[in-house]
Amino acid sequence: MCSREGIPTNAEPRTITGIVLAGGRSRRFGSDKLVAAYGGRPLLHLPIEVLASICDEVIVAVAPGKAPTVPKIDVPIRVAYDAKEGEGPLAGLLAALRLTWTPLAMVVGGDMPELKDRVLVGMQRVIEGREDLEAVVLSDAKGPSPLPVVLHVAPARREAIKLMKAGSAGLRDLLLELQVAAIDEVDWRAMDPFGGTLHDVDVPGDLR
């Protein structure tokens, strides 16, 4: 179920874990895009650092055997490994959720270099203390986007396990099983006028 929400301007964020999904194969990019330079820095470093400014720790979900390069920051960074390679983003999310000890998780893609901390904190504030909500996403002209998303960990982990057993690999499938609020574009763009929070890198041209 999806409802529409604005972003509150008060309330203090609670403890939350940041999760970066970095297990994709970069087929459209042609090489490992997460080590490509974006503004002179490795692409993967940028979403990690944004989450580190908000979260108590960051978990980077990667394919088995992969050793991601991560920035040197004060916030703890842990690595979660997919059970098998090529199972899709839901497998990466589930691997990270199994390591998450906080009630909330803030999930982004490793290829999202222009995330705005103000928007992410606003998403957290929407779900904070709401037992009727299990996830918060952003909406634009294309509809609700699966990333970034702020989740209640327990129901997300439970539904992800069910979906993986049923053969699903998609984040959108997970959101269909949760009580979701979508923040309208006019509300989140008030804090991110150029819409960078939804920008992701799929092909080399997206690095410019």
N, C-alpha and C. Protein backbone atom coordinates (compact mmCIF):
# COMPACT_ATOMS: atom_id res chain seq x y z
N MET A 1 0.84 -1.19 0.00
CA MET A 1 0.00 0.00 0.00
C MET A 1 0.88 1.24 0.00
N CYS A 2 0.53 2.23 -0.79
CA CYS A 2 1.36 3.43 -0.89
C CYS A 2 0.52 4.66 -0.59
N SER A 3 0.97 5.48 0.34
CA SER A 3 0.30 6.72 0.68
C SER A 3 1.24 7.88 0.40
N ARG A 4 0.70 9.08 0.35
CA ARG A 4 1.50 10.27 0.07
C ARG A 4 1.81 11.00 1.36
N GLU A 5 3.03 11.49 1.47
CA GLU A 5 3.47 12.15 2.68
C GLU A 5 4.26 13.42 2.34
N GLY A 6 4.21 14.40 3.24
CA GLY A 6 5.12 15.51 3.21
C GLY A 6 6.29 15.22 4.13
N ILE A 7 7.26 16.11 4.16
CA ILE A 7 8.43 15.92 5.02
C ILE A 7 8.29 16.80 6.25
N PRO A 8 8.28 16.22 7.46
CA PRO A 8 8.20 17.03 8.67
C PRO A 8 9.45 17.88 8.84
N THR A 9 9.31 18.95 9.55
CA THR A 9 10.46 19.83 9.79
C THR A 9 10.95 19.73 11.22
N ASN A 10 10.31 18.88 12.05
CA ASN A 10 10.79 18.72 13.41
C ASN A 10 11.05 17.25 13.67
N ALA A 11 11.22 16.87 14.93
CA ALA A 11 11.51 15.50 15.36
C ALA A 11 12.98 15.17 15.15
N GLU A 12 13.56 14.52 16.15
CA GLU A 12 14.97 14.15 16.09
C GLU A 12 15.13 12.75 15.52
N PRO A 13 16.08 12.57 14.59
CA PRO A 13 16.32 11.23 14.06
C PRO A 13 16.78 10.27 15.16
N ARG A 14 16.40 9.02 15.05
CA ARG A 14 16.82 7.99 15.98
C ARG A 14 17.98 7.20 15.40
N THR A 15 18.46 6.23 16.16
CA THR A 15 19.53 5.36 15.67
C THR A 15 19.10 4.68 14.37
N ILE A 16 20.01 4.66 13.40
CA ILE A 16 19.69 4.10 12.09
C ILE A 16 20.97 3.59 11.44
N THR A 17 20.83 2.52 10.67
CA THR A 17 21.95 1.94 9.93
C THR A 17 21.84 2.33 8.46
N GLY A 18 22.95 2.71 7.87
CA GLY A 18 22.99 2.98 6.44
C GLY A 18 23.40 1.73 5.67
N ILE A 19 22.72 1.46 4.58
CA ILE A 19 23.03 0.30 3.74
C ILE A 19 23.27 0.78 2.31
N VAL A 20 24.41 0.39 1.74
CA VAL A 20 24.74 0.72 0.36
C VAL A 20 24.74 -0.57 -0.46
N LEU A 21 23.88 -0.65 -1.45
CA LEU A 21 23.80 -1.82 -2.32
C LEU A 21 24.83 -1.68 -3.43
N ALA A 22 25.84 -2.56 -3.41
CA ALA A 22 26.97 -2.43 -4.34
C ALA A 22 27.34 -3.77 -4.96
N GLY A 23 26.35 -4.62 -5.18
CA GLY A 23 26.63 -5.95 -5.70
C GLY A 23 26.30 -6.17 -7.15
N GLY A 24 25.93 -5.09 -7.87
CA GLY A 24 25.54 -5.24 -9.27
C GLY A 24 26.71 -5.56 -10.18
N ARG A 25 26.40 -6.01 -11.39
CA ARG A 25 27.44 -6.41 -12.35
C ARG A 25 27.84 -5.30 -13.30
N SER A 26 27.19 -4.15 -13.27
CA SER A 26 27.53 -3.00 -14.12
C SER A 26 27.53 -3.36 -15.61
N ARG A 27 26.57 -4.15 -16.04
CA ARG A 27 26.54 -4.60 -17.44
C ARG A 27 26.44 -3.43 -18.40
N ARG A 28 25.55 -2.50 -18.13
CA ARG A 28 25.37 -1.37 -19.05
C ARG A 28 26.57 -0.44 -19.05
N PHE A 29 27.27 -0.38 -17.93
CA PHE A 29 28.43 0.51 -17.83
C PHE A 29 29.63 -0.06 -18.59
N GLY A 30 29.77 -1.38 -18.60
CA GLY A 30 30.86 -2.00 -19.33
C GLY A 30 32.07 -2.36 -18.49
N SER A 31 32.14 -1.89 -17.26
CA SER A 31 33.21 -2.21 -16.31
C SER A 31 32.67 -1.91 -14.93
N ASP A 32 33.48 -2.12 -13.90
CA ASP A 32 33.02 -1.88 -12.53
C ASP A 32 32.82 -0.38 -12.31
N LYS A 33 31.58 0.05 -12.39
CA LYS A 33 31.31 1.49 -12.31
C LYS A 33 31.60 2.07 -10.94
N LEU A 34 31.57 1.25 -9.89
CA LEU A 34 31.72 1.79 -8.54
C LEU A 34 33.13 2.24 -8.23
N VAL A 35 34.10 1.85 -9.07
CA VAL A 35 35.47 2.37 -8.89
C VAL A 35 35.75 3.51 -9.86
N ALA A 36 34.81 3.80 -10.75
CA ALA A 36 34.98 4.91 -11.68
C ALA A 36 34.97 6.24 -10.93
N ALA A 37 35.65 7.22 -11.50
CA ALA A 37 35.76 8.52 -10.85
C ALA A 37 34.53 9.37 -11.13
N TYR A 38 33.98 9.95 -10.08
CA TYR A 38 32.88 10.90 -10.18
C TYR A 38 33.33 12.15 -9.43
N GLY A 39 33.58 13.21 -10.18
CA GLY A 39 34.12 14.41 -9.55
C GLY A 39 35.50 14.16 -8.96
N GLY A 40 36.25 13.25 -9.57
CA GLY A 40 37.60 12.97 -9.12
C GLY A 40 37.71 11.97 -7.99
N ARG A 41 36.60 11.36 -7.60
CA ARG A 41 36.61 10.41 -6.48
C ARG A 41 35.88 9.14 -6.87
N PRO A 42 36.24 7.99 -6.25
CA PRO A 42 35.52 6.75 -6.57
C PRO A 42 34.03 6.89 -6.31
N LEU A 43 33.24 6.44 -7.27
CA LEU A 43 31.79 6.59 -7.19
C LEU A 43 31.22 6.02 -5.89
N LEU A 44 31.68 4.84 -5.48
CA LEU A 44 31.14 4.19 -4.29
C LEU A 44 31.38 5.00 -3.02
N HIS A 45 32.45 5.79 -2.98
CA HIS A 45 32.75 6.55 -1.76
C HIS A 45 31.68 7.59 -1.43
N LEU A 46 31.05 8.12 -2.46
CA LEU A 46 30.15 9.26 -2.25
C LEU A 46 28.89 8.88 -1.46
N PRO A 47 28.14 7.84 -1.84
CA PRO A 47 26.98 7.49 -1.02
C PRO A 47 27.37 7.00 0.37
N ILE A 48 28.52 6.33 0.49
CA ILE A 48 28.97 5.89 1.81
C ILE A 48 29.17 7.08 2.73
N GLU A 49 29.80 8.12 2.23
CA GLU A 49 30.09 9.29 3.06
C GLU A 49 28.83 10.05 3.44
N VAL A 50 27.85 10.11 2.54
CA VAL A 50 26.59 10.77 2.89
C VAL A 50 25.89 10.00 4.00
N LEU A 51 25.81 8.68 3.89
CA LEU A 51 25.18 7.89 4.94
C LEU A 51 25.96 8.00 6.25
N ALA A 52 27.26 8.06 6.17
CA ALA A 52 28.07 8.16 7.39
C ALA A 52 27.80 9.45 8.15
N SER A 53 27.35 10.48 7.45
CA SER A 53 27.05 11.75 8.12
C SER A 53 25.72 11.71 8.85
N ILE A 54 24.93 10.66 8.62
CA ILE A 54 23.59 10.54 9.19
C ILE A 54 23.47 9.35 10.12
N CYS A 55 24.13 8.25 9.75
CA CYS A 55 23.89 6.95 10.38
C CYS A 55 24.97 6.59 11.40
N ASP A 56 24.65 5.62 12.25
CA ASP A 56 25.59 5.15 13.26
C ASP A 56 26.63 4.21 12.69
N GLU A 57 26.28 3.52 11.63
CA GLU A 57 27.23 2.67 10.91
C GLU A 57 26.73 2.51 9.49
N VAL A 58 27.61 2.01 8.63
CA VAL A 58 27.27 1.79 7.22
C VAL A 58 27.63 0.35 6.87
N ILE A 59 26.70 -0.34 6.22
CA ILE A 59 26.94 -1.69 5.71
C ILE A 59 26.93 -1.63 4.19
N VAL A 60 27.99 -2.14 3.58
CA VAL A 60 28.09 -2.18 2.12
C VAL A 60 27.84 -3.61 1.67
N ALA A 61 26.80 -3.81 0.88
CA ALA A 61 26.43 -5.14 0.40
C ALA A 61 27.06 -5.38 -0.97
N VAL A 62 27.86 -6.46 -1.06
CA VAL A 62 28.59 -6.72 -2.30
C VAL A 62 28.43 -8.20 -2.70
N ALA A 63 28.90 -8.52 -3.91
CA ALA A 63 28.88 -9.89 -4.40
C ALA A 63 29.91 -10.73 -3.64
N PRO A 64 29.73 -12.04 -3.60
CA PRO A 64 30.68 -12.90 -2.89
C PRO A 64 32.11 -12.73 -3.42
N GLY A 65 33.06 -12.65 -2.50
CA GLY A 65 34.46 -12.56 -2.88
C GLY A 65 34.94 -11.18 -3.27
N LYS A 66 34.04 -10.22 -3.33
CA LYS A 66 34.44 -8.86 -3.72
C LYS A 66 34.97 -8.09 -2.52
N ALA A 67 35.99 -7.30 -2.74
CA ALA A 67 36.58 -6.49 -1.66
C ALA A 67 36.42 -5.02 -2.03
N PRO A 68 35.35 -4.38 -1.59
CA PRO A 68 35.12 -2.98 -1.99
C PRO A 68 36.12 -2.03 -1.36
N THR A 69 36.50 -1.01 -2.13
CA THR A 69 37.32 0.05 -1.57
C THR A 69 36.39 1.07 -0.93
N VAL A 70 36.65 1.41 0.32
CA VAL A 70 35.78 2.33 1.06
C VAL A 70 36.59 3.50 1.58
N PRO A 71 35.96 4.64 1.80
CA PRO A 71 36.68 5.81 2.30
C PRO A 71 37.06 5.64 3.77
N LYS A 72 38.05 6.38 4.19
CA LYS A 72 38.45 6.38 5.60
C LYS A 72 37.59 7.40 6.35
N ILE A 73 36.69 6.89 7.17
CA ILE A 73 35.77 7.74 7.91
C ILE A 73 35.68 7.25 9.34
N ASP A 74 35.11 8.05 10.22
CA ASP A 74 35.02 7.70 11.63
C ASP A 74 33.91 6.69 11.92
N VAL A 75 32.87 6.69 11.10
CA VAL A 75 31.75 5.77 11.31
C VAL A 75 32.15 4.36 10.89
N PRO A 76 31.80 3.34 11.68
CA PRO A 76 32.13 1.96 11.30
C PRO A 76 31.51 1.56 9.97
N ILE A 77 32.29 0.84 9.17
CA ILE A 77 31.80 0.29 7.90
C ILE A 77 31.97 -1.22 7.95
N ARG A 78 30.88 -1.94 7.67
CA ARG A 78 30.94 -3.39 7.58
C ARG A 78 30.54 -3.82 6.17
N VAL A 79 30.94 -5.02 5.81
CA VAL A 79 30.63 -5.56 4.48
C VAL A 79 29.72 -6.76 4.63
N ALA A 80 28.64 -6.78 3.86
CA ALA A 80 27.72 -7.93 3.80
C ALA A 80 27.86 -8.57 2.42
N TYR A 81 27.94 -9.88 2.39
CA TYR A 81 28.12 -10.59 1.12
C TYR A 81 26.84 -11.33 0.72
N ASP A 82 26.46 -11.17 -0.55
CA ASP A 82 25.35 -11.95 -1.09
C ASP A 82 25.66 -13.44 -0.92
N ALA A 83 24.62 -14.23 -0.70
CA ALA A 83 24.82 -15.67 -0.57
C ALA A 83 25.36 -16.27 -1.88
N LYS A 84 24.86 -15.77 -3.03
CA LYS A 84 25.31 -16.20 -4.34
C LYS A 84 25.45 -14.99 -5.24
N GLU A 85 26.31 -15.09 -6.22
CA GLU A 85 26.48 -13.98 -7.15
C GLU A 85 25.31 -13.91 -8.13
N GLY A 86 24.90 -12.68 -8.46
CA GLY A 86 23.89 -12.49 -9.49
C GLY A 86 22.47 -12.71 -9.06
N GLU A 87 22.19 -12.70 -7.76
CA GLU A 87 20.82 -12.92 -7.29
C GLU A 87 19.99 -11.65 -7.27
N GLY A 88 20.59 -10.50 -7.52
CA GLY A 88 19.83 -9.27 -7.59
C GLY A 88 19.90 -8.43 -6.32
N PRO A 89 19.36 -7.21 -6.39
CA PRO A 89 19.49 -6.28 -5.26
C PRO A 89 18.77 -6.72 -3.99
N LEU A 90 17.70 -7.49 -4.13
CA LEU A 90 16.99 -7.93 -2.93
C LEU A 90 17.87 -8.85 -2.09
N ALA A 91 18.70 -9.67 -2.75
CA ALA A 91 19.63 -10.53 -2.02
C ALA A 91 20.65 -9.71 -1.26
N GLY A 92 21.14 -8.65 -1.89
CA GLY A 92 22.10 -7.78 -1.22
C GLY A 92 21.48 -7.08 -0.03
N LEU A 93 20.25 -6.62 -0.21
CA LEU A 93 19.56 -5.97 0.90
C LEU A 93 19.35 -6.95 2.05
N LEU A 94 18.92 -8.15 1.75
CA LEU A 94 18.69 -9.13 2.81
C LEU A 94 19.98 -9.46 3.54
N ALA A 95 21.08 -9.60 2.82
CA ALA A 95 22.36 -9.87 3.47
C ALA A 95 22.71 -8.76 4.45
N ALA A 96 22.46 -7.51 4.06
CA ALA A 96 22.75 -6.39 4.95
C ALA A 96 21.77 -6.33 6.12
N LEU A 97 20.49 -6.58 5.85
CA LEU A 97 19.50 -6.54 6.93
C LEU A 97 19.78 -7.61 7.99
N ARG A 98 20.37 -8.72 7.58
CA ARG A 98 20.71 -9.76 8.56
C ARG A 98 21.79 -9.28 9.53
N LEU A 99 22.55 -8.27 9.14
CA LEU A 99 23.60 -7.74 10.01
C LEU A 99 23.17 -6.47 10.75
N THR A 100 21.97 -6.00 10.48
CA THR A 100 21.51 -4.72 11.02
C THR A 100 20.91 -4.91 12.41
N TRP A 101 21.39 -4.10 13.35
CA TRP A 101 20.89 -4.19 14.74
C TRP A 101 19.96 -3.05 15.11
N THR A 102 19.87 -2.01 14.28
CA THR A 102 19.01 -0.87 14.58
C THR A 102 17.59 -1.14 14.07
N PRO A 103 16.57 -0.43 14.60
CA PRO A 103 15.21 -0.65 14.13
C PRO A 103 14.94 -0.12 12.73
N LEU A 104 15.74 0.85 12.30
CA LEU A 104 15.55 1.45 10.98
C LEU A 104 16.81 1.29 10.14
N ALA A 105 16.62 1.21 8.82
CA ALA A 105 17.73 1.17 7.87
C ALA A 105 17.46 2.16 6.75
N MET A 106 18.50 2.86 6.34
CA MET A 106 18.44 3.82 5.23
C MET A 106 19.23 3.20 4.08
N VAL A 107 18.54 2.87 3.00
CA VAL A 107 19.14 2.08 1.93
C VAL A 107 19.30 2.92 0.67
N VAL A 108 20.51 2.88 0.09
CA VAL A 108 20.78 3.62 -1.14
C VAL A 108 21.58 2.72 -2.08
N GLY A 109 21.73 3.16 -3.32
CA GLY A 109 22.55 2.44 -4.28
C GLY A 109 23.98 2.92 -4.25
N GLY A 110 24.90 2.05 -4.53
CA GLY A 110 26.30 2.45 -4.61
C GLY A 110 26.61 3.35 -5.78
N ASP A 111 25.65 3.46 -6.71
CA ASP A 111 25.83 4.30 -7.90
C ASP A 111 25.04 5.60 -7.80
N MET A 112 24.75 6.03 -6.58
CA MET A 112 23.97 7.27 -6.38
C MET A 112 24.88 8.33 -5.73
N PRO A 113 25.56 9.13 -6.54
CA PRO A 113 26.60 10.02 -6.02
C PRO A 113 26.13 11.38 -5.51
N GLU A 114 24.86 11.72 -5.74
CA GLU A 114 24.42 13.07 -5.38
C GLU A 114 23.28 13.07 -4.37
N LEU A 115 23.30 12.10 -3.50
CA LEU A 115 22.30 12.03 -2.43
C LEU A 115 22.42 13.26 -1.53
N LYS A 116 21.29 13.77 -1.11
CA LYS A 116 21.27 14.93 -0.21
C LYS A 116 20.87 14.49 1.18
N ASP A 117 21.73 14.78 2.15
CA ASP A 117 21.47 14.34 3.52
C ASP A 117 20.16 14.91 4.06
N ARG A 118 19.80 16.13 3.66
CA ARG A 118 18.57 16.74 4.14
C ARG A 118 17.35 15.92 3.72
N VAL A 119 17.38 15.43 2.50
CA VAL A 119 16.26 14.62 2.01
C VAL A 119 16.19 13.29 2.75
N LEU A 120 17.34 12.66 2.95
CA LEU A 120 17.37 11.36 3.62
C LEU A 120 16.90 11.48 5.07
N VAL A 121 17.34 12.53 5.75
CA VAL A 121 16.87 12.74 7.12
C VAL A 121 15.37 13.02 7.13
N GLY A 122 14.88 13.74 6.14
CA GLY A 122 13.45 13.99 6.04
C GLY A 122 12.67 12.71 5.88
N MET A 123 13.20 11.77 5.10
CA MET A 123 12.55 10.47 4.94
C MET A 123 12.52 9.73 6.27
N GLN A 124 13.61 9.79 7.00
CA GLN A 124 13.65 9.13 8.30
C GLN A 124 12.62 9.73 9.25
N ARG A 125 12.46 11.01 9.21
CA ARG A 125 11.52 11.67 10.12
C ARG A 125 10.08 11.29 9.81
N VAL A 126 9.79 11.00 8.56
CA VAL A 126 8.43 10.58 8.20
C VAL A 126 8.07 9.26 8.86
N ILE A 127 9.02 8.32 8.89
CA ILE A 127 8.73 6.98 9.39
C ILE A 127 8.96 6.86 10.89
N GLU A 128 9.68 7.80 11.46
CA GLU A 128 10.03 7.75 12.88
C GLU A 128 8.78 7.67 13.77
N GLY A 129 8.71 6.61 14.56
CA GLY A 129 7.61 6.47 15.50
C GLY A 129 6.28 6.09 14.88
N ARG A 130 6.26 5.75 13.59
CA ARG A 130 5.02 5.41 12.89
C ARG A 130 4.89 3.90 12.77
N GLU A 131 4.02 3.31 13.56
CA GLU A 131 3.81 1.87 13.48
C GLU A 131 2.99 1.47 12.25
N ASP A 132 2.32 2.46 11.64
CA ASP A 132 1.51 2.15 10.46
C ASP A 132 2.33 2.18 9.17
N LEU A 133 3.61 2.57 9.26
CA LEU A 133 4.46 2.62 8.08
C LEU A 133 5.62 1.64 8.22
N GLU A 134 6.01 1.03 7.10
CA GLU A 134 7.15 0.12 7.09
C GLU A 134 8.25 0.57 6.16
N ALA A 135 7.95 1.56 5.30
CA ALA A 135 8.96 2.06 4.37
C ALA A 135 8.56 3.45 3.89
N VAL A 136 9.57 4.25 3.54
CA VAL A 136 9.35 5.58 2.96
C VAL A 136 10.24 5.71 1.73
N VAL A 137 9.65 6.16 0.62
CA VAL A 137 10.38 6.36 -0.62
C VAL A 137 10.10 7.76 -1.15
N LEU A 138 10.78 8.10 -2.24
CA LEU A 138 10.55 9.37 -2.93
C LEU A 138 9.79 9.11 -4.22
N SER A 139 8.95 10.05 -4.59
CA SER A 139 8.19 9.93 -5.82
C SER A 139 8.56 11.06 -6.78
N ASP A 140 8.58 10.76 -8.08
CA ASP A 140 8.75 11.79 -9.10
C ASP A 140 7.76 11.52 -10.22
N ALA A 141 8.00 12.11 -11.38
CA ALA A 141 7.05 11.96 -12.49
C ALA A 141 6.89 10.50 -12.94
N LYS A 142 7.90 9.67 -12.66
CA LYS A 142 7.84 8.26 -13.04
C LYS A 142 7.13 7.41 -11.99
N GLY A 143 6.81 8.01 -10.84
CA GLY A 143 6.20 7.27 -9.76
C GLY A 143 7.18 7.04 -8.62
N PRO A 144 6.82 6.22 -7.64
CA PRO A 144 7.71 5.95 -6.50
C PRO A 144 8.99 5.26 -6.96
N SER A 145 10.12 5.69 -6.41
CA SER A 145 11.41 5.09 -6.73
C SER A 145 11.80 4.11 -5.62
N PRO A 146 12.36 2.94 -5.96
CA PRO A 146 12.73 1.97 -4.92
C PRO A 146 13.93 2.39 -4.08
N LEU A 147 14.76 3.28 -4.59
CA LEU A 147 15.92 3.80 -3.87
C LEU A 147 16.01 5.30 -4.06
N PRO A 148 16.36 6.02 -2.99
CA PRO A 148 16.61 5.55 -1.62
C PRO A 148 15.31 5.15 -0.93
N VAL A 149 15.47 4.34 0.12
CA VAL A 149 14.32 3.93 0.91
C VAL A 149 14.74 3.83 2.37
N VAL A 150 13.85 4.24 3.26
CA VAL A 150 14.06 4.06 4.70
C VAL A 150 13.07 3.00 5.16
N LEU A 151 13.59 1.98 5.83
CA LEU A 151 12.78 0.80 6.17
C LEU A 151 12.76 0.53 7.66
N HIS A 152 11.64 -0.01 8.14
CA HIS A 152 11.65 -0.70 9.42
C HIS A 152 12.28 -2.06 9.16
N VAL A 153 13.34 -2.37 9.88
CA VAL A 153 14.16 -3.53 9.56
C VAL A 153 13.40 -4.85 9.70
N ALA A 154 12.68 -5.03 10.80
CA ALA A 154 12.05 -6.34 11.06
C ALA A 154 11.08 -6.77 9.96
N PRO A 155 10.08 -5.94 9.59
CA PRO A 155 9.17 -6.38 8.53
C PRO A 155 9.86 -6.49 7.17
N ALA A 156 10.82 -5.61 6.90
CA ALA A 156 11.53 -5.68 5.62
C ALA A 156 12.32 -6.97 5.50
N ARG A 157 12.99 -7.34 6.57
CA ARG A 157 13.77 -8.58 6.58
C ARG A 157 12.85 -9.80 6.42
N ARG A 158 11.73 -9.78 7.13
CA ARG A 158 10.78 -10.90 7.06
C ARG A 158 10.24 -11.08 5.64
N GLU A 159 9.82 -9.98 5.03
CA GLU A 159 9.24 -10.08 3.68
C GLU A 159 10.30 -10.39 2.64
N ALA A 160 11.53 -9.89 2.84
CA ALA A 160 12.61 -10.18 1.89
C ALA A 160 12.93 -11.67 1.89
N ILE A 161 12.91 -12.30 3.05
CA ILE A 161 13.15 -13.74 3.14
C ILE A 161 12.08 -14.50 2.35
N LYS A 162 10.82 -14.12 2.53
CA LYS A 162 9.73 -14.78 1.81
C LYS A 162 9.90 -14.63 0.29
N LEU A 163 10.23 -13.42 -0.14
CA LEU A 163 10.35 -13.16 -1.57
C LEU A 163 11.52 -13.90 -2.18
N MET A 164 12.64 -13.96 -1.47
CA MET A 164 13.79 -14.69 -1.98
C MET A 164 13.47 -16.18 -2.14
N LYS A 165 12.74 -16.72 -1.18
CA LYS A 165 12.35 -18.13 -1.28
C LYS A 165 11.42 -18.36 -2.47
N ALA A 166 10.65 -17.33 -2.82
CA ALA A 166 9.72 -17.44 -3.95
C ALA A 166 10.39 -17.13 -5.28
N GLY A 167 11.67 -16.76 -5.25
CA GLY A 167 12.41 -16.52 -6.48
C GLY A 167 12.45 -15.08 -6.94
N SER A 168 12.01 -14.14 -6.11
CA SER A 168 12.03 -12.72 -6.49
C SER A 168 13.39 -12.11 -6.22
N ALA A 169 13.79 -11.15 -7.05
CA ALA A 169 15.07 -10.48 -6.86
C ALA A 169 14.94 -8.96 -6.79
N GLY A 170 13.71 -8.44 -6.88
CA GLY A 170 13.53 -7.02 -7.04
C GLY A 170 13.13 -6.26 -5.80
N LEU A 171 13.63 -5.04 -5.68
CA LEU A 171 13.26 -4.18 -4.56
C LEU A 171 11.81 -3.72 -4.68
N ARG A 172 11.33 -3.54 -5.89
CA ARG A 172 9.94 -3.12 -6.07
C ARG A 172 8.98 -4.19 -5.54
N ASP A 173 9.36 -5.45 -5.70
CA ASP A 173 8.53 -6.53 -5.18
C ASP A 173 8.43 -6.43 -3.66
N LEU A 174 9.54 -6.08 -3.03
CA LEU A 174 9.53 -5.93 -1.57
C LEU A 174 8.60 -4.81 -1.15
N LEU A 175 8.66 -3.69 -1.85
CA LEU A 175 7.84 -2.54 -1.47
C LEU A 175 6.35 -2.84 -1.63
N LEU A 176 6.02 -3.73 -2.55
CA LEU A 176 4.61 -4.11 -2.72
C LEU A 176 4.09 -4.88 -1.52
N GLU A 177 4.99 -5.45 -0.73
CA GLU A 177 4.59 -6.23 0.44
C GLU A 177 4.60 -5.41 1.73
N LEU A 178 5.02 -4.16 1.66
CA LEU A 178 5.15 -3.31 2.85
C LEU A 178 4.17 -2.16 2.81
N GLN A 179 3.91 -1.59 3.97
CA GLN A 179 3.12 -0.36 4.06
C GLN A 179 4.06 0.81 3.76
N VAL A 180 3.88 1.41 2.61
CA VAL A 180 4.84 2.39 2.09
C VAL A 180 4.22 3.78 1.99
N ALA A 181 5.00 4.79 2.38
CA ALA A 181 4.63 6.19 2.15
C ALA A 181 5.58 6.76 1.11
N ALA A 182 5.04 7.46 0.12
CA ALA A 182 5.84 8.10 -0.91
C ALA A 182 5.79 9.61 -0.73
N ILE A 183 6.95 10.22 -0.63
CA ILE A 183 7.02 11.68 -0.48
C ILE A 183 6.93 12.32 -1.86
N ASP A 184 5.99 13.22 -2.04
CA ASP A 184 5.80 13.87 -3.32
C ASP A 184 7.03 14.67 -3.74
N GLU A 185 7.24 14.74 -5.05
CA GLU A 185 8.41 15.42 -5.60
C GLU A 185 8.48 16.88 -5.17
N VAL A 186 7.35 17.55 -5.12
CA VAL A 186 7.36 18.96 -4.76
C VAL A 186 7.90 19.15 -3.34
N ASP A 187 7.68 18.18 -2.47
CA ASP A 187 8.14 18.30 -1.08
C ASP A 187 9.63 18.02 -0.95
N TRP A 188 10.11 16.92 -1.54
CA TRP A 188 11.54 16.63 -1.37
C TRP A 188 12.42 17.54 -2.21
N ARG A 189 11.89 18.02 -3.34
CA ARG A 189 12.69 18.94 -4.16
C ARG A 189 12.86 20.31 -3.50
N ALA A 190 12.06 20.61 -2.52
CA ALA A 190 12.27 21.85 -1.77
C ALA A 190 13.63 21.83 -1.07
N MET A 191 14.15 20.61 -0.79
CA MET A 191 15.46 20.46 -0.17
C MET A 191 16.52 19.99 -1.15
N ASP A 192 16.11 19.69 -2.37
CA ASP A 192 17.04 19.21 -3.40
C ASP A 192 16.52 19.68 -4.76
N PRO A 193 16.66 20.97 -5.05
CA PRO A 193 16.02 21.56 -6.24
C PRO A 193 16.40 20.89 -7.56
N PHE A 194 17.63 20.36 -7.66
CA PHE A 194 18.06 19.77 -8.92
C PHE A 194 17.79 18.26 -8.99
N GLY A 195 17.22 17.71 -7.95
CA GLY A 195 16.82 16.30 -7.98
C GLY A 195 17.96 15.31 -7.96
N GLY A 196 19.12 15.72 -7.43
CA GLY A 196 20.29 14.84 -7.42
C GLY A 196 20.10 13.57 -6.62
N THR A 197 19.22 13.60 -5.64
CA THR A 197 19.05 12.42 -4.77
C THR A 197 18.60 11.19 -5.56
N LEU A 198 17.90 11.37 -6.66
CA LEU A 198 17.46 10.23 -7.46
C LEU A 198 18.38 9.93 -8.64
N HIS A 199 19.48 10.67 -8.75
CA HIS A 199 20.41 10.44 -9.87
C HIS A 199 21.23 9.18 -9.60
N ASP A 200 21.26 8.27 -10.60
CA ASP A 200 22.15 7.12 -10.49
C ASP A 200 22.96 6.99 -11.77
N VAL A 201 24.04 6.25 -11.69
CA VAL A 201 24.96 6.10 -12.80
C VAL A 201 24.75 4.72 -13.42
N ASP A 202 24.28 4.70 -14.68
CA ASP A 202 24.08 3.44 -15.39
C ASP A 202 25.08 3.23 -16.51
N VAL A 203 25.43 4.33 -17.19
CA VAL A 203 26.37 4.28 -18.33
C VAL A 203 27.44 5.33 -18.12
N PRO A 204 28.59 5.24 -18.80
CA PRO A 204 29.67 6.20 -18.58
C PRO A 204 29.25 7.65 -18.73
N GLY A 205 28.28 7.93 -19.60
CA GLY A 205 27.83 9.30 -19.78
C GLY A 205 27.20 9.90 -18.55
N ASP A 206 26.71 9.06 -17.65
CA ASP A 206 26.08 9.55 -16.42
C ASP A 206 27.09 10.09 -15.41
N LEU A 207 28.38 9.86 -15.67
CA LEU A 207 29.41 10.37 -14.76
C LEU A 207 29.62 11.86 -14.93
N ARG A 208 29.13 12.43 -16.04
CA ARG A 208 29.33 13.86 -16.27
C ARG A 208 28.19 14.65 -15.64
